[in-house]
PDB file of all heavy atoms in Angstrom:
ATOM      1  N   THR A   1      99.599 149.571 123.897  1.00  0.00           N
ATOM      2  CA  THR A   1     100.279 148.916 124.890  1.00  0.00           C
ATOM      3  C   THR A   1     101.686 148.508 124.380  1.00  0.00           C
ATOM      4  O   THR A   1     102.838 148.841 125.016  1.00  0.00           O
ATOM      5  CB  THR A   1      99.605 147.689 125.650  1.00  0.00           C
ATOM      6  OG1 THR A   1      98.269 148.157 126.117  1.00  0.00           O
ATOM      7  CG2 THR A   1     100.545 147.005 126.481  1.00  0.00           C
ATOM      8  N   ILE A   2     101.684 147.875 123.343  1.00  0.00           N
ATOM      9  CA  ILE A   2     103.027 147.296 122.755  1.00  0.00           C
ATOM     10  C   ILE A   2     103.892 148.452 122.402  1.00  0.00           C
ATOM     11  O   ILE A   2     105.204 148.456 122.708  1.00  0.00           O
ATOM     12  CB  ILE A   2     102.901 146.367 121.598  1.00  0.00           C
ATOM     13  CG1 ILE A   2     102.135 145.070 122.122  1.00  0.00           C
ATOM     14  CG2 ILE A   2     104.101 146.167 120.868  1.00  0.00           C
ATOM     15  CD1 ILE A   2     101.703 144.050 120.963  1.00  0.00           C
ATOM     16  N   VAL A   3     103.467 149.513 121.762  1.00  0.00           N
ATOM     17  CA  VAL A   3     104.214 150.612 121.294  1.00  0.00           C
ATOM     18  C   VAL A   3     104.745 151.348 122.664  1.00  0.00           C
ATOM     19  O   VAL A   3     105.922 151.732 122.604  1.00  0.00           O
ATOM     20  CB  VAL A   3     103.389 151.524 120.437  1.00  0.00           C
ATOM     21  CG1 VAL A   3     104.226 152.867 120.307  1.00  0.00           C
ATOM     22  CG2 VAL A   3     103.137 150.848 119.109  1.00  0.00           C
ATOM     23  N   HIS A   4     103.827 151.501 123.640  1.00  0.00           N
ATOM     24  CA  HIS A   4     104.343 152.174 124.694  1.00  0.00           C
ATOM     25  C   HIS A   4     105.503 151.351 125.389  1.00  0.00           C
ATOM     26  O   HIS A   4     106.401 151.885 125.876  1.00  0.00           O
ATOM     27  CB  HIS A   4     103.216 152.445 125.765  1.00  0.00           C
ATOM     28  CG  HIS A   4     103.580 153.219 127.027  1.00  0.00           C
ATOM     29  ND1 HIS A   4     103.633 152.497 128.201  1.00  0.00           N
ATOM     30  CD2 HIS A   4     104.030 154.433 127.194  1.00  0.00           C
ATOM     31  CE1 HIS A   4     104.050 153.418 129.093  1.00  0.00           C
ATOM     32  NE2 HIS A   4     104.362 154.543 128.669  1.00  0.00           N
ATOM     33  N   GLN A   5     105.334 150.128 125.531  1.00  0.00           N
ATOM     34  CA  GLN A   5     106.263 149.203 126.193  1.00  0.00           C
ATOM     35  C   GLN A   5     107.729 149.420 125.450  1.00  0.00           C
ATOM     36  O   GLN A   5     108.744 149.339 126.033  1.00  0.00           O
ATOM     37  CB  GLN A   5     105.915 147.825 126.268  1.00  0.00           C
ATOM     38  CG  GLN A   5     104.880 147.477 127.311  1.00  0.00           C
ATOM     39  CD  GLN A   5     104.492 145.946 127.327  1.00  0.00           C
ATOM     40  OE1 GLN A   5     105.257 145.192 126.685  1.00  0.00           O
ATOM     41  NE2 GLN A   5     103.623 145.594 128.091  1.00  0.00           N
ATOM     42  N   SER A   6     107.534 149.713 124.100  1.00  0.00           N
ATOM     43  CA  SER A   6     108.790 149.669 123.229  1.00  0.00           C
ATOM     44  C   SER A   6     109.444 151.083 123.375  1.00  0.00           C
ATOM     45  O   SER A   6     110.634 151.217 123.144  1.00  0.00           O
ATOM     46  CB  SER A   6     108.449 149.427 121.825  1.00  0.00           C
ATOM     47  OG  SER A   6     107.772 148.184 121.628  1.00  0.00           O
ATOM     48  N   LEU A   7     108.688 152.158 123.712  1.00  0.00           N
ATOM     49  CA  LEU A   7     109.232 153.470 123.662  1.00  0.00           C
ATOM     50  C   LEU A   7     109.274 154.141 125.026  1.00  0.00           C
ATOM     51  O   LEU A   7     109.674 155.312 125.152  1.00  0.00           O
ATOM     52  CB  LEU A   7     108.338 154.362 122.892  1.00  0.00           C
ATOM     53  CG  LEU A   7     108.193 153.921 121.299  1.00  0.00           C
ATOM     54  CD1 LEU A   7     107.135 155.013 120.738  1.00  0.00           C
ATOM     55  CD2 LEU A   7     109.540 153.942 120.571  1.00  0.00           C
ATOM     56  N   GLU A   8     109.020 153.407 126.141  1.00  0.00           N
ATOM     57  CA  GLU A   8     108.812 153.920 127.522  1.00  0.00           C
ATOM     58  C   GLU A   8     110.015 154.454 127.980  1.00  0.00           C
ATOM     59  O   GLU A   8     110.140 155.353 128.879  1.00  0.00           O
ATOM     60  CB  GLU A   8     108.158 152.970 128.465  1.00  0.00           C
ATOM     61  CG  GLU A   8     109.020 151.743 128.638  1.00  0.00           C
ATOM     62  CD  GLU A   8     108.215 150.765 129.618  1.00  0.00           C
ATOM     63  OE1 GLU A   8     107.177 151.137 130.224  1.00  0.00           O
ATOM     64  OE2 GLU A   8     108.698 149.580 129.651  1.00  0.00           O
ATOM     65  N   THR A   9     111.343 154.067 127.523  1.00  0.00           N
ATOM     66  CA  THR A   9     112.568 154.599 128.028  1.00  0.00           C
ATOM     67  C   THR A   9     112.709 155.984 127.580  1.00  0.00           C
ATOM     68  O   THR A   9     113.398 156.750 128.314  1.00  0.00           O
ATOM     69  CB  THR A   9     113.752 153.815 127.495  1.00  0.00           C
ATOM     70  OG1 THR A   9     113.671 153.751 126.012  1.00  0.00           O
ATOM     71  CG2 THR A   9     113.737 152.404 127.948  1.00  0.00           C
ATOM     72  N   ARG A  10     112.128 156.395 126.466  1.00  0.00           N
ATOM     73  CA  ARG A  10     112.115 157.834 126.063  1.00  0.00           C
ATOM     74  C   ARG A  10     110.867 158.609 126.372  1.00  0.00           C
ATOM     75  O   ARG A  10     110.852 159.771 126.576  1.00  0.00           O
ATOM     76  CB  ARG A  10     112.449 157.869 124.499  1.00  0.00           C
ATOM     77  CG  ARG A  10     113.847 157.361 124.184  1.00  0.00           C
ATOM     78  CD  ARG A  10     114.266 157.884 122.878  1.00  0.00           C
ATOM     79  NE  ARG A  10     115.609 157.442 122.518  1.00  0.00           N
ATOM     80  CZ  ARG A  10     116.799 158.078 122.890  1.00  0.00           C
ATOM     81  NH1 ARG A  10     116.729 159.047 123.650  1.00  0.00           N
ATOM     82  NH2 ARG A  10     117.930 157.617 122.579  1.00  0.00           N
ATOM     83  N   TRP A  11     109.780 157.848 126.307  1.00  0.00           N
ATOM     84  CA  TRP A  11     108.411 158.476 126.583  1.00  0.00           C
ATOM     85  C   TRP A  11     107.657 157.738 127.624  1.00  0.00           C
ATOM     86  O   TRP A  11     107.101 156.672 127.433  1.00  0.00           O
ATOM     87  CB  TRP A  11     107.599 158.594 125.416  1.00  0.00           C
ATOM     88  CG  TRP A  11     107.946 159.451 124.329  1.00  0.00           C
ATOM     89  CD1 TRP A  11     107.662 160.807 124.248  1.00  0.00           C
ATOM     90  CD2 TRP A  11     108.861 159.175 123.193  1.00  0.00           C
ATOM     91  NE1 TRP A  11     108.284 161.383 123.097  1.00  0.00           N
ATOM     92  CE2 TRP A  11     108.952 160.409 122.385  1.00  0.00           C
ATOM     93  CE3 TRP A  11     109.408 158.032 122.695  1.00  0.00           C
ATOM     94  CZ2 TRP A  11     109.695 160.475 121.327  1.00  0.00           C
ATOM     95  CZ3 TRP A  11     110.257 157.971 121.451  1.00  0.00           C
ATOM     96  CH2 TRP A  11     110.335 159.371 120.848  1.00  0.00           C
ATOM     97  N   PRO A  12     107.965 157.940 129.016  1.00  0.00           N
ATOM     98  CA  PRO A  12     107.359 157.305 130.127  1.00  0.00           C
ATOM     99  C   PRO A  12     105.936 157.207 129.989  1.00  0.00           C
ATOM    100  O   PRO A  12     105.204 156.244 130.450  1.00  0.00           O
ATOM    101  CB  PRO A  12     107.934 157.924 131.267  1.00  0.00           C
ATOM    102  CG  PRO A  12     109.083 158.637 130.900  1.00  0.00           C
ATOM    103  CD  PRO A  12     108.904 159.019 129.449  1.00  0.00           C
ATOM    104  N   THR A  13     105.284 158.263 129.408  1.00  0.00           N
ATOM    105  CA  THR A  13     103.890 158.350 129.296  1.00  0.00           C
ATOM    106  C   THR A  13     103.632 158.838 127.841  1.00  0.00           C
ATOM    107  O   THR A  13     104.277 159.649 127.229  1.00  0.00           O
ATOM    108  CB  THR A  13     103.179 159.361 130.102  1.00  0.00           C
ATOM    109  OG1 THR A  13     103.642 160.675 130.070  1.00  0.00           O
ATOM    110  CG2 THR A  13     103.285 158.880 131.597  1.00  0.00           C
ATOM    111  N   LEU A  14     102.668 158.285 127.186  1.00  0.00           N
ATOM    112  CA  LEU A  14     102.213 158.562 125.856  1.00  0.00           C
ATOM    113  C   LEU A  14     100.688 158.734 125.678  1.00  0.00           C
ATOM    114  O   LEU A  14      99.857 157.683 125.927  1.00  0.00           O
ATOM    115  CB  LEU A  14     102.593 157.430 124.836  1.00  0.00           C
ATOM    116  CG  LEU A  14     104.068 157.660 124.351  1.00  0.00           C
ATOM    117  CD1 LEU A  14     104.314 156.358 123.507  1.00  0.00           C
ATOM    118  CD2 LEU A  14     104.252 158.838 123.526  1.00  0.00           C
ATOM    119  N   PRO A  15     100.194 159.922 125.546  1.00  0.00           N
ATOM    120  CA  PRO A  15      98.799 160.104 125.367  1.00  0.00           C
ATOM    121  C   PRO A  15      98.303 159.468 124.121  1.00  0.00           C
ATOM    122  O   PRO A  15      99.051 159.281 123.023  1.00  0.00           O
ATOM    123  CB  PRO A  15      98.651 161.721 125.254  1.00  0.00           C
ATOM    124  CG  PRO A  15      99.952 162.209 124.975  1.00  0.00           C
ATOM    125  CD  PRO A  15     100.950 161.226 125.468  1.00  0.00           C
ATOM    126  N   VAL A  16      97.085 159.143 123.992  1.00  0.00           N
ATOM    127  CA  VAL A  16      96.454 158.398 122.885  1.00  0.00           C
ATOM    128  C   VAL A  16      95.288 159.177 122.497  1.00  0.00           C
ATOM    129  O   VAL A  16      94.400 159.560 123.226  1.00  0.00           O
ATOM    130  CB  VAL A  16      95.990 156.926 123.242  1.00  0.00           C
ATOM    131  CG1 VAL A  16      95.358 156.257 122.039  1.00  0.00           C
ATOM    132  CG2 VAL A  16      97.177 156.110 123.728  1.00  0.00           C
ATOM    133  N   LEU A  17      95.221 159.468 121.164  1.00  0.00           N
ATOM    134  CA  LEU A  17      94.096 160.118 120.463  1.00  0.00           C
ATOM    135  C   LEU A  17      93.397 159.273 119.395  1.00  0.00           C
ATOM    136  O   LEU A  17      94.157 158.473 118.735  1.00  0.00           O
ATOM    137  CB  LEU A  17      94.473 161.408 119.809  1.00  0.00           C
ATOM    138  CG  LEU A  17      94.758 162.663 120.862  1.00  0.00           C
ATOM    139  CD1 LEU A  17      95.278 163.759 120.067  1.00  0.00           C
ATOM    140  CD2 LEU A  17      93.536 162.899 121.600  1.00  0.00           C
ATOM    141  N   HIS A  18      92.053 159.292 119.255  1.00  0.00           N
ATOM    142  CA  HIS A  18      91.390 158.605 118.240  1.00  0.00           C
ATOM    143  C   HIS A  18      90.681 159.639 117.405  1.00  0.00           C
ATOM    144  O   HIS A  18      89.892 160.517 117.958  1.00  0.00           O
ATOM    145  CB  HIS A  18      90.483 157.573 118.782  1.00  0.00           C
ATOM    146  CG  HIS A  18      91.095 156.509 119.504  1.00  0.00           C
ATOM    147  ND1 HIS A  18      91.368 155.217 118.935  1.00  0.00           N
ATOM    148  CD2 HIS A  18      91.583 156.422 120.791  1.00  0.00           C
ATOM    149  CE1 HIS A  18      92.082 154.440 119.799  1.00  0.00           C
ATOM    150  NE2 HIS A  18      92.185 155.011 120.925  1.00  0.00           N
ATOM    151  N   PHE A  19      90.752 159.513 116.022  1.00  0.00           N
ATOM    152  CA  PHE A  19      90.013 160.233 115.115  1.00  0.00           C
ATOM    153  C   PHE A  19      89.410 159.245 114.109  1.00  0.00           C
ATOM    154  O   PHE A  19      90.089 158.353 113.612  1.00  0.00           O
ATOM    155  CB  PHE A  19      90.734 161.340 114.296  1.00  0.00           C
ATOM    156  CG  PHE A  19      91.412 162.363 115.247  1.00  0.00           C
ATOM    157  CD1 PHE A  19      92.799 162.486 115.430  1.00  0.00           C
ATOM    158  CD2 PHE A  19      90.622 163.407 115.825  1.00  0.00           C
ATOM    159  CE1 PHE A  19      93.304 163.471 116.142  1.00  0.00           C
ATOM    160  CE2 PHE A  19      91.157 164.460 116.467  1.00  0.00           C
ATOM    161  CZ  PHE A  19      92.570 164.411 116.652  1.00  0.00           C
ATOM    162  N   SER A  20      88.119 159.589 113.652  1.00  0.00           N
ATOM    163  CA  SER A  20      87.657 158.812 112.465  1.00  0.00           C
ATOM    164  C   SER A  20      88.380 159.542 111.230  1.00  0.00           C
ATOM    165  O   SER A  20      88.806 160.656 111.439  1.00  0.00           O
ATOM    166  CB  SER A  20      86.115 158.879 112.273  1.00  0.00           C
ATOM    167  OG  SER A  20      85.807 160.211 111.944  1.00  0.00           O
ATOM    168  N   TYR A  21      88.521 158.891 110.107  1.00  0.00           N
ATOM    169  CA  TYR A  21      89.093 159.461 109.000  1.00  0.00           C
ATOM    170  C   TYR A  21      88.358 160.768 108.620  1.00  0.00           C
ATOM    171  O   TYR A  21      89.035 161.783 108.281  1.00  0.00           O
ATOM    172  CB  TYR A  21      88.907 158.407 107.830  1.00  0.00           C
ATOM    173  CG  TYR A  21      89.735 158.726 106.508  1.00  0.00           C
ATOM    174  CD1 TYR A  21      90.960 158.243 106.336  1.00  0.00           C
ATOM    175  CD2 TYR A  21      89.177 159.557 105.540  1.00  0.00           C
ATOM    176  CE1 TYR A  21      91.723 158.476 105.147  1.00  0.00           C
ATOM    177  CE2 TYR A  21      89.904 159.819 104.310  1.00  0.00           C
ATOM    178  CZ  TYR A  21      91.144 159.227 104.190  1.00  0.00           C
ATOM    179  OH  TYR A  21      91.945 159.536 103.117  1.00  0.00           O
ATOM    180  N   ALA A  22      87.091 160.843 108.697  1.00  0.00           N
ATOM    181  CA  ALA A  22      86.244 162.006 108.317  1.00  0.00           C
ATOM    182  C   ALA A  22      86.564 163.130 109.282  1.00  0.00           C
ATOM    183  O   ALA A  22      86.769 164.261 108.926  1.00  0.00           O
ATOM    184  CB  ALA A  22      84.801 161.659 108.418  1.00  0.00           C
ATOM    185  N   GLU A  23      86.710 162.760 110.597  1.00  0.00           N
ATOM    186  CA  GLU A  23      86.962 163.718 111.649  1.00  0.00           C
ATOM    187  C   GLU A  23      88.487 164.410 111.426  1.00  0.00           C
ATOM    188  O   GLU A  23      88.604 165.652 111.525  1.00  0.00           O
ATOM    189  CB  GLU A  23      87.047 163.169 113.071  1.00  0.00           C
ATOM    190  CG  GLU A  23      85.628 162.838 113.501  1.00  0.00           C
ATOM    191  CD  GLU A  23      85.612 162.089 114.870  1.00  0.00           C
ATOM    192  OE1 GLU A  23      86.694 161.414 115.069  1.00  0.00           O
ATOM    193  OE2 GLU A  23      84.564 162.043 115.563  1.00  0.00           O
ATOM    194  N   ALA A  24      89.451 163.525 111.010  1.00  0.00           N
ATOM    195  CA  ALA A  24      90.785 164.026 110.726  1.00  0.00           C
ATOM    196  C   ALA A  24      90.777 165.011 109.572  1.00  0.00           C
ATOM    197  O   ALA A  24      91.306 166.041 109.585  1.00  0.00           O
ATOM    198  CB  ALA A  24      91.696 162.842 110.558  1.00  0.00           C
ATOM    199  N   MET A  25      90.054 164.578 108.424  1.00  0.00           N
ATOM    200  CA  MET A  25      90.046 165.417 107.221  1.00  0.00           C
ATOM    201  C   MET A  25      89.269 166.768 107.561  1.00  0.00           C
ATOM    202  O   MET A  25      89.620 167.796 107.192  1.00  0.00           O
ATOM    203  CB  MET A  25      89.248 164.704 106.161  1.00  0.00           C
ATOM    204  CG  MET A  25      90.002 163.556 105.476  1.00  0.00           C
ATOM    205  SD  MET A  25      91.387 164.303 104.526  1.00  0.00           S
ATOM    206  CE  MET A  25      92.110 162.811 103.806  1.00  0.00           C
ATOM    207  N   GLN A  26      88.204 166.753 108.347  1.00  0.00           N
ATOM    208  CA  GLN A  26      87.505 167.932 108.729  1.00  0.00           C
ATOM    209  C   GLN A  26      88.346 168.851 109.563  1.00  0.00           C
ATOM    210  O   GLN A  26      88.391 170.028 109.262  1.00  0.00           O
ATOM    211  CB  GLN A  26      86.156 167.671 109.501  1.00  0.00           C
ATOM    212  CG  GLN A  26      85.290 168.767 109.704  1.00  0.00           C
ATOM    213  CD  GLN A  26      84.448 169.182 108.396  1.00  0.00           C
ATOM    214  OE1 GLN A  26      83.741 168.364 107.807  1.00  0.00           O
ATOM    215  NE2 GLN A  26      84.776 170.450 108.044  1.00  0.00           N
ATOM    216  N   ARG A  27      89.082 168.330 110.559  1.00  0.00           N
ATOM    217  CA  ARG A  27      89.787 169.028 111.470  1.00  0.00           C
ATOM    218  C   ARG A  27      91.021 169.588 110.886  1.00  0.00           C
ATOM    219  O   ARG A  27      91.395 170.809 111.096  1.00  0.00           O
ATOM    220  CB  ARG A  27      90.218 168.220 112.586  1.00  0.00           C
ATOM    221  CG  ARG A  27      91.011 168.841 113.784  1.00  0.00           C
ATOM    222  CD  ARG A  27      91.094 168.026 114.969  1.00  0.00           C
ATOM    223  NE  ARG A  27      91.732 168.757 116.202  1.00  0.00           N
ATOM    224  CZ  ARG A  27      91.798 168.476 117.348  1.00  0.00           C
ATOM    225  NH1 ARG A  27      91.062 167.360 117.808  1.00  0.00           N
ATOM    226  NH2 ARG A  27      92.486 169.043 118.212  1.00  0.00           N
ATOM    227  N   PHE A  28      91.725 168.910 110.093  1.00  0.00           N
ATOM    228  CA  PHE A  28      93.071 169.421 109.543  1.00  0.00           C
ATOM    229  C   PHE A  28      92.942 169.840 108.136  1.00  0.00           C
ATOM    230  O   PHE A  28      94.097 170.477 107.670  1.00  0.00           O
ATOM    231  CB  PHE A  28      94.092 168.280 109.756  1.00  0.00           C
ATOM    232  CG  PHE A  28      94.239 167.903 111.125  1.00  0.00           C
ATOM    233  CD1 PHE A  28      93.878 166.472 111.517  1.00  0.00           C
ATOM    234  CD2 PHE A  28      94.827 168.646 112.143  1.00  0.00           C
ATOM    235  CE1 PHE A  28      94.076 166.072 112.863  1.00  0.00           C
ATOM    236  CE2 PHE A  28      94.909 168.274 113.321  1.00  0.00           C
ATOM    237  CZ  PHE A  28      94.497 166.926 113.758  1.00  0.00           C
ATOM    238  N   VAL A  29      91.984 169.601 107.332  1.00  0.00           N
ATOM    239  CA  VAL A  29      91.909 170.001 105.926  1.00  0.00           C
ATOM    240  C   VAL A  29      90.662 170.907 105.768  1.00  0.00           C
ATOM    241  O   VAL A  29      90.553 171.557 104.730  1.00  0.00           O
ATOM    242  CB  VAL A  29      91.917 168.798 104.952  1.00  0.00           C
ATOM    243  CG1 VAL A  29      92.067 169.182 103.552  1.00  0.00           C
ATOM    244  CG2 VAL A  29      92.945 167.796 105.339  1.00  0.00           C
ATOM    245  N   ASP A  30      89.635 170.733 106.585  1.00  0.00           N
ATOM    246  CA  ASP A  30      88.411 171.476 106.543  1.00  0.00           C
ATOM    247  C   ASP A  30      87.590 171.049 105.351  1.00  0.00           C
ATOM    248  O   ASP A  30      87.049 171.829 104.647  1.00  0.00           O
ATOM    249  CB  ASP A  30      88.572 173.007 106.492  1.00  0.00           C
ATOM    250  CG  ASP A  30      87.383 173.742 106.745  1.00  0.00           C
ATOM    251  OD1 ASP A  30      86.427 173.207 107.444  1.00  0.00           O
ATOM    252  OD2 ASP A  30      87.315 174.857 106.211  1.00  0.00           O
ATOM    253  N   ILE A  31      87.467 169.711 105.107  1.00  0.00           N
ATOM    254  CA  ILE A  31      86.652 169.232 104.038  1.00  0.00           C
ATOM    255  C   ILE A  31      85.861 168.052 104.705  1.00  0.00           C
ATOM    256  O   ILE A  31      86.157 167.400 105.577  1.00  0.00           O
ATOM    257  CB  ILE A  31      87.442 168.712 102.897  1.00  0.00           C
ATOM    258  CG1 ILE A  31      88.360 167.467 103.328  1.00  0.00           C
ATOM    259  CG2 ILE A  31      88.181 169.769 102.201  1.00  0.00           C
ATOM    260  CD1 ILE A  31      88.966 166.804 102.175  1.00  0.00           C
ATOM    261  N   ASP A  32      84.596 167.897 104.174  1.00  0.00           N
ATOM    262  CA  ASP A  32      83.635 166.812 104.410  1.00  0.00           C
ATOM    263  C   ASP A  32      84.055 165.644 103.407  1.00  0.00           C
ATOM    264  O   ASP A  32      83.599 165.730 102.305  1.00  0.00           O
ATOM    265  CB  ASP A  32      82.245 167.204 104.203  1.00  0.00           C
ATOM    266  CG  ASP A  32      81.239 166.062 104.563  1.00  0.00           C
ATOM    267  OD1 ASP A  32      81.705 164.842 104.593  1.00  0.00           O
ATOM    268  OD2 ASP A  32      80.173 166.366 104.894  1.00  0.00           O
ATOM    269  N   VAL A  33      84.947 164.830 103.929  1.00  0.00           N
ATOM    270  CA  VAL A  33      85.411 163.762 102.874  1.00  0.00           C
ATOM    271  C   VAL A  33      84.579 162.959 102.232  1.00  0.00           C
ATOM    272  O   VAL A  33      84.763 162.463 101.103  1.00  0.00           O
ATOM    273  CB  VAL A  33      86.553 162.936 103.583  1.00  0.00           C
ATOM    274  CG1 VAL A  33      85.969 162.073 104.534  1.00  0.00           C
ATOM    275  CG2 VAL A  33      87.565 162.282 102.623  1.00  0.00           C
ATOM    276  N   HIS A  34      83.418 162.625 102.889  1.00  0.00           N
ATOM    277  CA  HIS A  34      82.513 161.616 102.290  1.00  0.00           C
ATOM    278  C   HIS A  34      81.511 162.395 101.214  1.00  0.00           C
ATOM    279  O   HIS A  34      80.982 161.589 100.502  1.00  0.00           O
ATOM    280  CB  HIS A  34      81.650 161.031 103.447  1.00  0.00           C
ATOM    281  CG  HIS A  34      82.460 160.182 104.361  1.00  0.00           C
ATOM    282  ND1 HIS A  34      83.180 159.075 103.842  1.00  0.00           N
ATOM    283  CD2 HIS A  34      82.588 160.034 105.639  1.00  0.00           C
ATOM    284  CE1 HIS A  34      83.868 158.482 104.820  1.00  0.00           C
ATOM    285  NE2 HIS A  34      83.458 159.071 105.912  1.00  0.00           N
ATOM    286  N   ARG A  35      81.645 163.643 101.282  1.00  0.00           N
ATOM    287  CA  ARG A  35      80.720 164.458 100.376  1.00  0.00           C
ATOM    288  C   ARG A  35      81.527 165.266  99.432  1.00  0.00           C
ATOM    289  O   ARG A  35      80.840 165.686  98.313  1.00  0.00           O
ATOM    290  CB  ARG A  35      79.739 165.234 101.143  1.00  0.00           C
ATOM    291  CG  ARG A  35      78.606 164.409 101.969  1.00  0.00           C
ATOM    292  CD  ARG A  35      77.785 165.282 102.772  1.00  0.00           C
ATOM    293  NE  ARG A  35      76.570 164.544 103.301  1.00  0.00           N
ATOM    294  CZ  ARG A  35      76.744 163.918 104.405  1.00  0.00           C
ATOM    295  NH1 ARG A  35      77.914 163.853 105.139  1.00  0.00           N
ATOM    296  NH2 ARG A  35      75.726 163.188 105.015  1.00  0.00           N
ATOM    297  N   ALA A  36      82.700 165.431  99.539  1.00  0.00           N
ATOM    298  CA  ALA A  36      83.478 166.156  98.643  1.00  0.00           C
ATOM    299  C   ALA A  36      83.597 165.492  97.192  1.00  0.00           C
ATOM    300  O   ALA A  36      83.733 164.154  97.251  1.00  0.00           O
ATOM    301  CB  ALA A  36      84.929 166.278  99.168  1.00  0.00           C
ATOM    302  N   THR A  37      83.568 166.045  96.241  1.00  0.00           N
ATOM    303  CA  THR A  37      83.593 165.560  94.846  1.00  0.00           C
ATOM    304  C   THR A  37      85.012 165.148  94.478  1.00  0.00           C
ATOM    305  O   THR A  37      85.954 165.705  95.061  1.00  0.00           O
ATOM    306  CB  THR A  37      83.057 166.572  93.792  1.00  0.00           C
ATOM    307  OG1 THR A  37      83.999 167.760  93.711  1.00  0.00           O
ATOM    308  CG2 THR A  37      81.649 167.042  94.113  1.00  0.00           C
ATOM    309  N   ASP A  38      85.188 164.328  93.446  1.00  0.00           N
ATOM    310  CA  ASP A  38      86.445 164.000  92.983  1.00  0.00           C
ATOM    311  C   ASP A  38      87.290 165.221  92.505  1.00  0.00           C
ATOM    312  O   ASP A  38      88.550 165.304  92.842  1.00  0.00           O
ATOM    313  CB  ASP A  38      86.387 163.090  91.941  1.00  0.00           C
ATOM    314  CG  ASP A  38      85.796 161.592  92.288  1.00  0.00           C
ATOM    315  OD1 ASP A  38      85.548 161.490  93.548  1.00  0.00           O
ATOM    316  OD2 ASP A  38      85.690 160.699  91.451  1.00  0.00           O
ATOM    317  N   SER A  39      86.588 166.131  91.935  1.00  0.00           N
ATOM    318  CA  SER A  39      87.343 167.360  91.430  1.00  0.00           C
ATOM    319  C   SER A  39      87.844 168.198  92.503  1.00  0.00           C
ATOM    320  O   SER A  39      88.832 168.873  92.459  1.00  0.00           O
ATOM    321  CB  SER A  39      86.447 168.121  90.466  1.00  0.00           C
ATOM    322  OG  SER A  39      85.173 168.528  91.061  1.00  0.00           O
ATOM    323  N   GLU A  40      86.961 168.378  93.553  1.00  0.00           N
ATOM    324  CA  GLU A  40      87.385 169.110  94.701  1.00  0.00           C
ATOM    325  C   GLU A  40      88.668 168.552  95.395  1.00  0.00           C
ATOM    326  O   GLU A  40      89.527 169.228  95.748  1.00  0.00           O
ATOM    327  CB  GLU A  40      86.200 169.260  95.826  1.00  0.00           C
ATOM    328  CG  GLU A  40      85.069 170.021  95.224  1.00  0.00           C
ATOM    329  CD  GLU A  40      83.891 170.067  96.167  1.00  0.00           C
ATOM    330  OE1 GLU A  40      83.697 168.976  96.899  1.00  0.00           O
ATOM    331  OE2 GLU A  40      83.007 170.902  96.140  1.00  0.00           O
ATOM    332  N   LEU A  41      88.650 167.206  95.490  1.00  0.00           N
ATOM    333  CA  LEU A  41      89.874 166.559  96.129  1.00  0.00           C
ATOM    334  C   LEU A  41      91.036 166.722  95.261  1.00  0.00           C
ATOM    335  O   LEU A  41      92.120 166.927  95.765  1.00  0.00           O
ATOM    336  CB  LEU A  41      89.466 165.119  96.372  1.00  0.00           C
ATOM    337  CG  LEU A  41      88.438 164.817  97.349  1.00  0.00           C
ATOM    338  CD1 LEU A  41      88.198 163.271  97.433  1.00  0.00           C
ATOM    339  CD2 LEU A  41      88.770 165.338  98.818  1.00  0.00           C
ATOM    340  N   ALA A  42      90.888 166.618  93.936  1.00  0.00           N
ATOM    341  CA  ALA A  42      91.958 166.740  92.973  1.00  0.00           C
ATOM    342  C   ALA A  42      92.634 168.258  93.086  1.00  0.00           C
ATOM    343  O   ALA A  42      93.830 168.390  93.005  1.00  0.00           O
ATOM    344  CB  ALA A  42      91.491 166.511  91.559  1.00  0.00           C
ATOM    345  N   VAL A  43      91.725 169.219  93.252  1.00  0.00           N
ATOM    346  CA  VAL A  43      92.306 170.668  93.405  1.00  0.00           C
ATOM    347  C   VAL A  43      93.115 170.700  94.695  1.00  0.00           C
ATOM    348  O   VAL A  43      94.169 171.254  94.636  1.00  0.00           O
ATOM    349  CB  VAL A  43      91.019 171.559  93.463  1.00  0.00           C
ATOM    350  CG1 VAL A  43      91.560 172.990  93.833  1.00  0.00           C
ATOM    351  CG2 VAL A  43      90.349 171.633  92.072  1.00  0.00           C
ATOM    352  N   ILE A  44      92.533 170.191  95.708  1.00  0.00           N
ATOM    353  CA  ILE A  44      93.455 170.208  96.941  1.00  0.00           C
ATOM    354  C   ILE A  44      94.767 169.470  96.786  1.00  0.00           C
ATOM    355  O   ILE A  44      95.871 169.965  97.308  1.00  0.00           O
ATOM    356  CB  ILE A  44      92.645 169.606  98.262  1.00  0.00           C
ATOM    357  CG1 ILE A  44      91.376 170.510  98.478  1.00  0.00           C
ATOM    358  CG2 ILE A  44      93.515 169.654  99.357  1.00  0.00           C
ATOM    359  CD1 ILE A  44      90.300 169.954  99.502  1.00  0.00           C
ATOM    360  N   GLY A  45      94.504 168.156  96.239  1.00  0.00           N
ATOM    361  CA  GLY A  45      95.767 167.366  96.105  1.00  0.00           C
ATOM    362  C   GLY A  45      96.843 167.917  95.189  1.00  0.00           C
ATOM    363  O   GLY A  45      97.969 167.842  95.484  1.00  0.00           O
ATOM    364  N   THR A  46      96.265 168.555  94.189  1.00  0.00           N
ATOM    365  CA  THR A  46      97.285 169.250  93.265  1.00  0.00           C
ATOM    366  C   THR A  46      98.107 170.269  93.802  1.00  0.00           C
ATOM    367  O   THR A  46      99.185 170.585  93.625  1.00  0.00           O
ATOM    368  CB  THR A  46      96.471 169.697  92.003  1.00  0.00           C
ATOM    369  OG1 THR A  46      95.872 168.659  91.257  1.00  0.00           O
ATOM    370  CG2 THR A  46      97.382 170.402  90.978  1.00  0.00           C
ATOM    371  N   THR A  47      97.298 171.109  94.674  1.00  0.00           N
ATOM    372  CA  THR A  47      98.076 172.230  95.314  1.00  0.00           C
ATOM    373  C   THR A  47      99.091 171.737  96.365  1.00  0.00           C
ATOM    374  O   THR A  47     100.134 172.302  96.309  1.00  0.00           O
ATOM    375  CB  THR A  47      96.973 172.988  96.114  1.00  0.00           C
ATOM    376  OG1 THR A  47      95.906 173.583  95.260  1.00  0.00           O
ATOM    377  CG2 THR A  47      97.586 174.188  96.835  1.00  0.00           C
ATOM    378  N   LEU A  48      98.717 170.675  97.058  1.00  0.00           N
ATOM    379  CA  LEU A  48      99.649 170.008  97.910  1.00  0.00           C
ATOM    380  C   LEU A  48     100.843 169.402  97.217  1.00  0.00           C
ATOM    381  O   LEU A  48     102.027 169.587  97.787  1.00  0.00           O
ATOM    382  CB  LEU A  48      98.886 168.933  98.823  1.00  0.00           C
ATOM    383  CG  LEU A  48      97.963 169.615  99.856  1.00  0.00           C
ATOM    384  CD1 LEU A  48      97.153 168.391 100.474  1.00  0.00           C
ATOM    385  CD2 LEU A  48      98.568 170.436 100.927  1.00  0.00           C
TER     386      LEU A  48
END
C-alpha cells in the first residue's frame, strides 16, 4: 500500500506477486534450494 501510494503518479496500478524463496529458486534457477549441496550452489555461483 505504501509503495503504491508513493509510485502511483507513474504506476496507477501495480500488480503484486508472492514467491517463497524456494519457489523463486526453482522457477528462475531450476534448483531445489533446500536440498542442493554446498558444492552444487558453489558451481552455479562461480559461473554467475
